[in-house]
């Protein structure tokens, strides 16, 4: 009996440690619940000791989808907004979200979370996700991005939108400019970005305050539960290479050239984040300047619609009601108009 146990126990341990089994279509169960599934996509090596991956999350698709919607998260973030996927599916969209390389479900030991020195590295992730979506039979695709994810999505569609046949682009508080004064924004940031080519891992900004996290987290001032290892309450230290990557992407999208229809959404007001708590943080953007978002958003292409959400926070779909409902109404009105008559 002892010898039998010695042989069986390692096998039991291996089975317990094994990942969730893949479904027939290549997806595994996801942490968001039975309506969601995920698949890991291997990406080409990028010079790191550990090759990167991205993760595609899918909601159970509707019987007849008018189009596929792919969501791109922001910085220090990952996809946890199940309500967005639920709402999109009820509205007739096949909903997908991506955890980019080194974010959330795609974090791997031996790699630097959240870091890149060129935002175009994520274009490979989006190419891979869109190829997987196409293999599932979806023709029309619309893209949605939040904050830094909005910048990445805008940069991607500007360069690859025609090739990929992207029907429309919806941006939720996109990171189109730095929320600093003139001197920092026009002098210090470009200089640091240039130096980042020489010393990309130079830490130029430490972890930030927790007020934005407090405005979101259930148990604090917010309504939402998420993994604070994947979306850190204090944020993440910023490196010179990353600052340079963001600045260069902002310059690229600032030249315009996005051919498809674009929706730019933001709150109706911004407020500087301070040391203490202020209840106005629950109804304003304390991360970016809405003036910059709207001004720079107008330049993204020839067909741009802009709207503000009264009482919205930085992530409009995580705002309190009625702001959240207003954001959904604006988003799906735009998407429905630009996918009308689309054939799957």
Protein backbone atom coordinates (compact mmCIF):
# COMPACT_ATOMS: atom_id res chain seq x y z
CA UNK A 1 0.00 0.00 0.00
CA UNK A 2 2.82 2.41 0.87
CA UNK A 3 4.53 1.78 -2.47
CA UNK A 4 1.22 2.34 -4.28
CA UNK A 5 0.71 5.66 -2.52
CA UNK A 6 4.24 6.75 -3.41
CA UNK A 7 3.44 6.12 -7.07
CA UNK A 8 -0.01 7.73 -7.05
CA UNK A 9 0.62 10.89 -5.01
CA UNK A 10 2.89 12.59 -7.58
CA UNK A 11 0.27 11.95 -10.25
CA UNK A 12 -2.46 13.44 -8.04
CA UNK A 13 -0.30 16.48 -7.36
CA UNK A 14 0.33 16.93 -11.09
CA UNK A 15 -3.37 16.78 -11.88
CA UNK A 16 -4.20 19.31 -9.17
CA UNK A 17 -1.55 21.70 -10.50
CA UNK A 18 -2.60 21.36 -14.13
CA UNK A 19 -4.32 24.30 -15.83
CA UNK A 20 -8.04 24.19 -16.55
CA UNK A 21 -8.76 21.93 -19.51
CA UNK A 22 -9.26 23.59 -22.87
CA UNK A 23 -12.69 23.52 -24.43
CA UNK A 24 -13.08 22.09 -27.91
CA UNK A 25 -12.64 25.52 -29.50
CA UNK A 26 -9.41 26.27 -27.61
CA UNK A 27 -10.83 28.32 -24.75
CA UNK A 28 -10.51 27.59 -21.03
CA UNK A 29 -12.81 28.74 -18.20
CA UNK A 30 -12.19 32.32 -17.08
CA UNK A 31 -12.25 33.93 -13.63
CA UNK A 32 -15.22 36.12 -14.62
CA UNK A 33 -17.63 33.19 -14.51
CA UNK A 34 -19.41 30.74 -16.79
CA UNK A 35 -20.29 33.29 -19.48
CA UNK A 36 -16.59 33.99 -20.08
CA UNK A 37 -13.72 31.93 -21.46
CA UNK A 38 -10.08 32.71 -22.24
CA UNK A 39 -7.37 31.51 -24.55
CA UNK A 40 -3.64 32.19 -24.36
CA UNK A 41 -1.99 33.25 -27.61
CA UNK A 42 1.77 32.77 -28.01
CA UNK A 43 3.52 35.80 -29.50
CA UNK A 44 6.83 36.03 -31.38
CA UNK A 45 9.92 36.35 -29.15
CA UNK A 46 10.81 39.94 -28.33
CA UNK A 47 14.31 39.48 -26.97
CA UNK A 48 13.28 38.64 -23.42
CA UNK A 49 14.30 35.43 -21.68
CA UNK A 50 10.62 34.43 -21.55
CA UNK A 51 8.52 34.76 -24.75
CA UNK A 52 5.44 37.00 -24.43
CA UNK A 53 1.81 35.94 -24.62
CA UNK A 54 -1.46 37.79 -24.85
CA UNK A 55 -4.82 36.52 -23.60
CA UNK A 56 -8.11 36.74 -25.47
CA UNK A 57 -11.24 36.73 -23.29
CA UNK A 58 -14.59 35.93 -24.88
CA UNK A 59 -18.16 36.24 -23.69
CA UNK A 60 -20.52 33.49 -24.80
CA UNK A 61 -21.57 34.88 -28.20
CA UNK A 62 -25.15 35.74 -29.11
CA UNK A 63 -26.94 33.53 -31.62
CA UNK A 64 -26.67 36.17 -34.33
CA UNK A 65 -23.92 38.77 -33.90
CA UNK A 66 -24.05 42.04 -35.81
CA UNK A 67 -20.25 42.44 -35.36
CA UNK A 68 -17.39 41.54 -33.05
CA UNK A 69 -16.29 44.09 -30.43
CA UNK A 70 -12.69 43.90 -29.17
CA UNK A 71 -11.88 45.85 -25.98
CA UNK A 72 -8.36 47.08 -25.08
CA UNK A 73 -7.67 47.91 -21.41
CA UNK A 74 -5.57 50.77 -20.03
CA UNK A 75 -2.24 51.00 -18.20
CA UNK A 76 -1.95 49.20 -14.83
CA UNK A 77 -5.11 47.38 -15.85
CA UNK A 78 -6.66 44.23 -17.28
CA UNK A 79 -10.12 43.15 -18.39
CA UNK A 80 -12.45 42.72 -15.42
CA UNK A 81 -15.49 44.73 -16.56
CA UNK A 82 -17.92 41.85 -16.95
CA UNK A 83 -20.83 44.29 -17.17
CA UNK A 84 -19.38 45.68 -20.41
CA UNK A 85 -19.22 42.25 -21.98
CA UNK A 86 -22.70 41.37 -20.71
CA UNK A 87 -24.13 44.59 -22.12
CA UNK A 88 -22.39 44.22 -25.48
CA UNK A 89 -23.69 40.67 -25.84
CA UNK A 90 -27.26 41.74 -25.02
CA UNK A 91 -26.91 44.40 -27.71
CA UNK A 92 -26.02 41.72 -30.27
CA UNK A 93 -22.21 41.93 -30.35
CA UNK A 94 -19.77 39.07 -30.09
CA UNK A 95 -17.66 40.46 -27.25
CA UNK A 96 -13.93 39.94 -26.88
CA UNK A 97 -11.32 41.60 -24.66
CA UNK A 98 -7.55 41.34 -24.69
CA UNK A 99 -5.10 41.28 -21.82
CA UNK A 100 -2.02 42.62 -23.60
CA UNK A 101 1.41 41.08 -23.06
CA UNK A 102 2.64 41.54 -19.48
CA UNK A 103 -0.79 42.60 -18.19
CA UNK A 104 -3.29 40.68 -16.10
CA UNK A 105 -3.79 37.13 -17.36
CA UNK A 106 -0.75 37.56 -19.62
CA UNK A 107 1.80 38.31 -16.87
CA UNK A 108 4.59 35.73 -16.87
CA UNK A 109 7.49 35.26 -14.38
CA UNK A 110 10.71 36.64 -15.75
CA UNK A 111 9.06 39.48 -17.65
CA UNK A 112 8.59 43.13 -16.66
CA UNK A 113 4.89 43.81 -15.99
CA UNK A 114 3.29 46.75 -17.84
CA UNK A 115 6.55 47.81 -19.51
CA UNK A 116 7.35 48.54 -23.14
CA UNK A 117 9.60 51.05 -24.85
CA UNK A 118 7.43 51.06 -28.01
CA UNK A 119 3.63 50.91 -27.91
CA UNK A 120 3.72 49.42 -31.39
CA UNK A 121 4.88 46.16 -29.80
CA UNK A 122 1.23 45.68 -28.80
CA UNK A 123 0.17 45.80 -32.45
CA UNK A 124 1.31 42.17 -32.73
CA UNK A 125 -1.03 41.32 -29.85
CA UNK A 126 -3.95 42.98 -31.62
CA UNK A 127 -3.08 41.31 -34.92
CA UNK A 128 -3.08 37.94 -33.16
CA UNK A 129 -6.37 38.60 -31.36
CA UNK A 130 -8.08 39.78 -34.55
CA UNK A 131 -6.81 36.73 -36.45
CA UNK A 132 -8.36 34.49 -33.77
CA UNK A 133 -11.63 36.42 -33.98
CA UNK A 134 -11.69 36.10 -37.77
CA UNK A 135 -11.09 32.34 -37.49
CA UNK A 136 -14.25 32.16 -35.41
CA UNK A 137 -16.16 33.49 -38.41
CA UNK A 138 -16.66 37.15 -37.53
CA UNK A 139 -16.24 39.60 -40.38
CA UNK A 140 -17.09 43.11 -39.17
CA UNK A 141 -15.00 44.18 -36.17
CA UNK A 142 -15.18 47.31 -34.04
CA UNK A 143 -12.45 48.29 -31.60
CA UNK A 144 -12.78 49.98 -28.20
CA UNK A 145 -9.97 51.27 -25.99
CA UNK A 146 -9.69 52.93 -22.59
CA UNK A 147 -6.99 55.45 -21.56
CA UNK A 148 -3.58 54.07 -22.67
CA UNK A 149 -5.51 51.30 -24.39
CA UNK A 150 -7.32 54.04 -26.30
CA UNK A 151 -3.98 55.46 -27.41
CA UNK A 152 -2.77 52.00 -28.45
CA UNK A 153 -6.02 51.30 -30.32
CA UNK A 154 -5.93 54.68 -32.10
CA UNK A 155 -2.29 54.17 -33.12
CA UNK A 156 -3.11 50.65 -34.34
CA UNK A 157 -6.16 51.65 -36.37
CA UNK A 158 -4.28 54.59 -37.89
CA UNK A 159 -1.60 52.20 -39.18
CA UNK A 160 -3.55 48.97 -39.75
CA UNK A 161 -7.26 49.81 -39.71
CA UNK A 162 -7.78 49.53 -43.46
CA UNK A 163 -5.87 46.25 -43.68
CA UNK A 164 -7.89 44.79 -40.80
CA UNK A 165 -11.21 46.18 -42.02
CA UNK A 166 -11.98 47.90 -38.71
CA UNK A 167 -15.49 49.36 -39.02
CA UNK A 168 -15.35 51.85 -36.13
CA UNK A 169 -13.21 52.90 -33.15
CA UNK A 170 -14.67 53.91 -29.77
CA UNK A 171 -12.37 55.63 -27.26
CA UNK A 172 -13.15 55.87 -23.55
CA UNK A 173 -11.04 58.72 -22.07
CA UNK A 174 -8.08 58.09 -24.40
CA UNK A 175 -4.56 59.08 -23.28
CA UNK A 176 -3.87 61.56 -26.08
CA UNK A 177 -1.72 63.99 -24.06
CA UNK A 178 0.05 64.25 -20.71
CA UNK A 179 -1.95 65.86 -17.94
CA UNK A 180 0.83 68.24 -16.88
CA UNK A 181 1.59 71.93 -17.18
CA UNK A 182 3.15 73.37 -20.33
CA UNK A 183 6.78 73.14 -19.15
CA UNK A 184 6.56 69.50 -18.13
CA UNK A 185 4.51 68.49 -21.13
CA UNK A 186 6.48 70.29 -23.82
CA UNK A 187 10.00 70.29 -22.36
CA UNK A 188 10.58 67.80 -19.54
CA UNK A 189 8.61 64.84 -20.92
CA UNK A 190 10.21 64.98 -24.41
CA UNK A 191 13.68 65.24 -22.84
CA UNK A 192 13.01 62.28 -20.55
CA UNK A 193 11.61 60.34 -23.50
CA UNK A 194 14.77 61.01 -25.51
CA UNK A 195 16.95 59.95 -22.58
CA UNK A 196 14.80 56.85 -22.37
CA UNK A 197 16.34 55.66 -25.62
CA UNK A 198 19.67 55.53 -23.79
CA UNK A 199 18.45 54.42 -20.34
CA UNK A 200 15.00 52.89 -20.94
CA UNK A 201 14.70 51.30 -17.47
CA UNK A 202 15.44 54.54 -15.60
CA UNK A 203 12.63 55.05 -13.07
CA UNK A 204 11.43 58.62 -13.41
CA UNK A 205 8.21 58.42 -11.40
CA UNK A 206 7.36 56.26 -8.41
CA UNK A 207 4.04 54.77 -7.48
CA UNK A 208 1.18 57.24 -7.31
CA UNK A 209 -1.62 57.94 -4.86
CA UNK A 210 -4.58 55.68 -4.16
CA UNK A 211 -7.52 58.04 -4.66
CA UNK A 212 -8.41 56.69 -8.10
CA UNK A 213 -8.35 53.13 -6.76
CA UNK A 214 -10.45 54.22 -3.79
CA UNK A 215 -13.02 55.68 -6.19
CA UNK A 216 -13.35 52.28 -7.90
CA UNK A 217 -12.87 49.57 -5.27
CA UNK A 218 -15.79 48.01 -3.43
CA UNK A 219 -15.13 48.35 0.28
CA UNK A 220 -13.63 51.79 -0.35
CA UNK A 221 -15.69 54.41 -2.21
CA UNK A 222 -16.39 52.41 -5.34
CA UNK A 223 -18.53 49.56 -6.64
CA UNK A 224 -16.05 47.18 -8.28
CA UNK A 225 -13.97 44.17 -7.30
CA UNK A 226 -10.73 43.39 -9.10
CA UNK A 227 -7.34 41.77 -8.55
CA UNK A 228 -5.10 44.37 -6.93
CA UNK A 229 -2.00 42.46 -8.06
CA UNK A 230 -3.07 43.01 -11.67
CA UNK A 231 -4.45 46.52 -11.16
CA UNK A 232 -2.37 48.01 -8.39
CA UNK A 233 -3.97 50.62 -6.08
CA UNK A 234 -0.74 52.66 -6.01
CA UNK A 235 -0.17 52.33 -9.74
CA UNK A 236 3.22 51.26 -11.07
CA UNK A 237 6.57 53.01 -11.28
CA UNK A 238 7.07 54.77 -14.63
CA UNK A 239 10.26 54.26 -16.61
CA UNK A 240 11.86 56.63 -19.10
CA UNK A 241 11.47 54.14 -21.96
CA UNK A 242 7.74 53.89 -21.36
CA UNK A 243 7.32 57.68 -21.19
CA UNK A 244 9.12 57.97 -24.51
CA UNK A 245 6.92 55.27 -26.04
CA UNK A 246 3.74 57.07 -24.98
CA UNK A 247 4.97 60.44 -26.23
CA UNK A 248 5.88 59.05 -29.65
CA UNK A 249 2.50 57.33 -29.97
CA UNK A 250 0.72 60.57 -29.02
CA UNK A 251 2.63 62.38 -31.75
CA UNK A 252 1.72 59.73 -34.32
CA UNK A 253 -2.01 59.81 -33.62
CA UNK A 254 -1.86 63.61 -33.39
CA UNK A 255 -1.15 63.68 -37.13
CA UNK A 256 -4.61 62.25 -37.80
CA UNK A 257 -5.17 59.69 -40.51
CA UNK A 258 -7.72 57.33 -38.92
CA UNK A 259 -10.03 56.51 -41.79
CA UNK A 260 -12.90 54.78 -39.97
CA UNK A 261 -15.49 56.60 -37.81
CA UNK A 262 -14.18 57.46 -34.34
CA UNK A 263 -16.06 58.17 -31.11
CA UNK A 264 -14.20 60.13 -28.42
CA UNK A 265 -15.85 59.99 -25.00
CA UNK A 266 -14.72 61.71 -21.81
CA UNK A 267 -16.09 63.07 -18.58
CA UNK A 268 -17.39 66.63 -18.61
CA UNK A 269 -14.83 67.76 -16.02
CA UNK A 270 -11.34 67.09 -14.67
CA UNK A 271 -9.89 67.62 -11.22
CA UNK A 272 -6.31 67.38 -10.01
CA UNK A 273 -5.79 64.43 -7.69
CA UNK A 274 -4.72 65.64 -4.24
CA UNK A 275 -3.33 64.12 -1.07
CA UNK A 276 -6.68 63.69 0.69
CA UNK A 277 -10.05 62.37 -0.35
CA UNK A 278 -12.60 64.58 -2.13
CA UNK A 279 -16.10 63.32 -2.99
CA UNK A 280 -15.81 65.10 -6.35
CA UNK A 281 -13.41 62.31 -7.36
CA UNK A 282 -16.52 60.14 -7.84
CA UNK A 283 -17.88 62.35 -10.62
CA UNK A 284 -14.85 63.71 -12.46
CA UNK A 285 -11.71 62.55 -14.30
CA UNK A 286 -8.76 62.78 -11.90
CA UNK A 287 -6.29 61.09 -14.28
CA UNK A 288 -6.43 63.04 -17.56
CA UNK A 289 -7.56 66.47 -18.77
CA UNK A 290 -10.91 66.24 -20.54
CA UNK A 291 -10.03 69.44 -22.41
CA UNK A 292 -6.97 67.72 -23.88
CA UNK A 293 -8.97 64.58 -24.70
CA UNK A 294 -11.62 66.50 -26.60
CA UNK A 295 -9.22 68.92 -28.31
CA UNK A 296 -6.79 66.25 -29.49
CA UNK A 297 -9.55 63.76 -30.20
CA UNK A 298 -10.96 66.08 -32.84
CA UNK A 299 -7.73 65.65 -34.86
CA UNK A 300 -7.73 61.86 -35.07
CA UNK A 301 -9.40 61.68 -38.47
CA UNK A 302 -12.00 63.14 -40.81
CA UNK A 303 -14.96 61.38 -39.16
CA UNK A 304 -14.80 62.00 -35.41
CA UNK A 305 -17.74 62.26 -33.04
CA UNK A 306 -17.08 63.71 -29.59
CA UNK A 307 -19.24 63.63 -26.49
CA UNK A 308 -18.89 64.24 -22.77
CA UNK A 309 -20.56 62.32 -19.97
CA UNK A 310 -21.84 64.43 -17.11
CA UNK A 311 -20.48 63.14 -13.82
CA UNK A 312 -18.24 60.57 -15.48
CA UNK A 313 -15.02 59.27 -13.97
CA UNK A 314 -11.83 58.48 -15.87
CA UNK A 315 -13.16 55.05 -16.86
CA UNK A 316 -16.65 55.99 -17.95
CA UNK A 317 -18.02 52.46 -17.81
CA UNK A 318 -16.97 52.22 -14.16
CA UNK A 319 -18.64 55.52 -13.28
CA UNK A 320 -21.60 55.72 -10.98
CA UNK A 321 -25.09 55.83 -12.38
CA UNK A 322 -26.50 57.74 -14.21
CA UNK A 323 -23.13 58.60 -15.80
CA UNK A 324 -22.42 54.94 -16.57
CA UNK A 325 -25.78 54.55 -18.30
CA UNK A 326 -25.11 57.67 -20.37
CA UNK A 327 -21.74 56.29 -21.46
CA UNK A 328 -23.30 53.00 -22.54
CA UNK A 329 -26.02 54.83 -24.47
CA UNK A 330 -23.50 56.95 -26.36
CA UNK A 331 -21.23 53.98 -27.04
CA UNK A 332 -23.84 51.63 -28.43
CA UNK A 333 -25.68 54.30 -30.38
CA UNK A 334 -22.39 54.98 -32.17
CA UNK A 335 -21.54 51.31 -32.72
CA UNK A 336 -25.05 50.38 -33.84
CA UNK A 337 -25.05 53.13 -36.47
CA UNK A 338 -21.71 52.02 -37.87
CA UNK A 339 -22.49 48.31 -37.93
CA UNK A 340 -26.01 48.61 -39.34
CA UNK A 341 -26.45 46.09 -42.11
CA UNK A 342 -23.09 44.45 -41.37
CA UNK A 343 -22.95 40.81 -42.41
CA UNK A 344 -21.25 38.39 -39.96
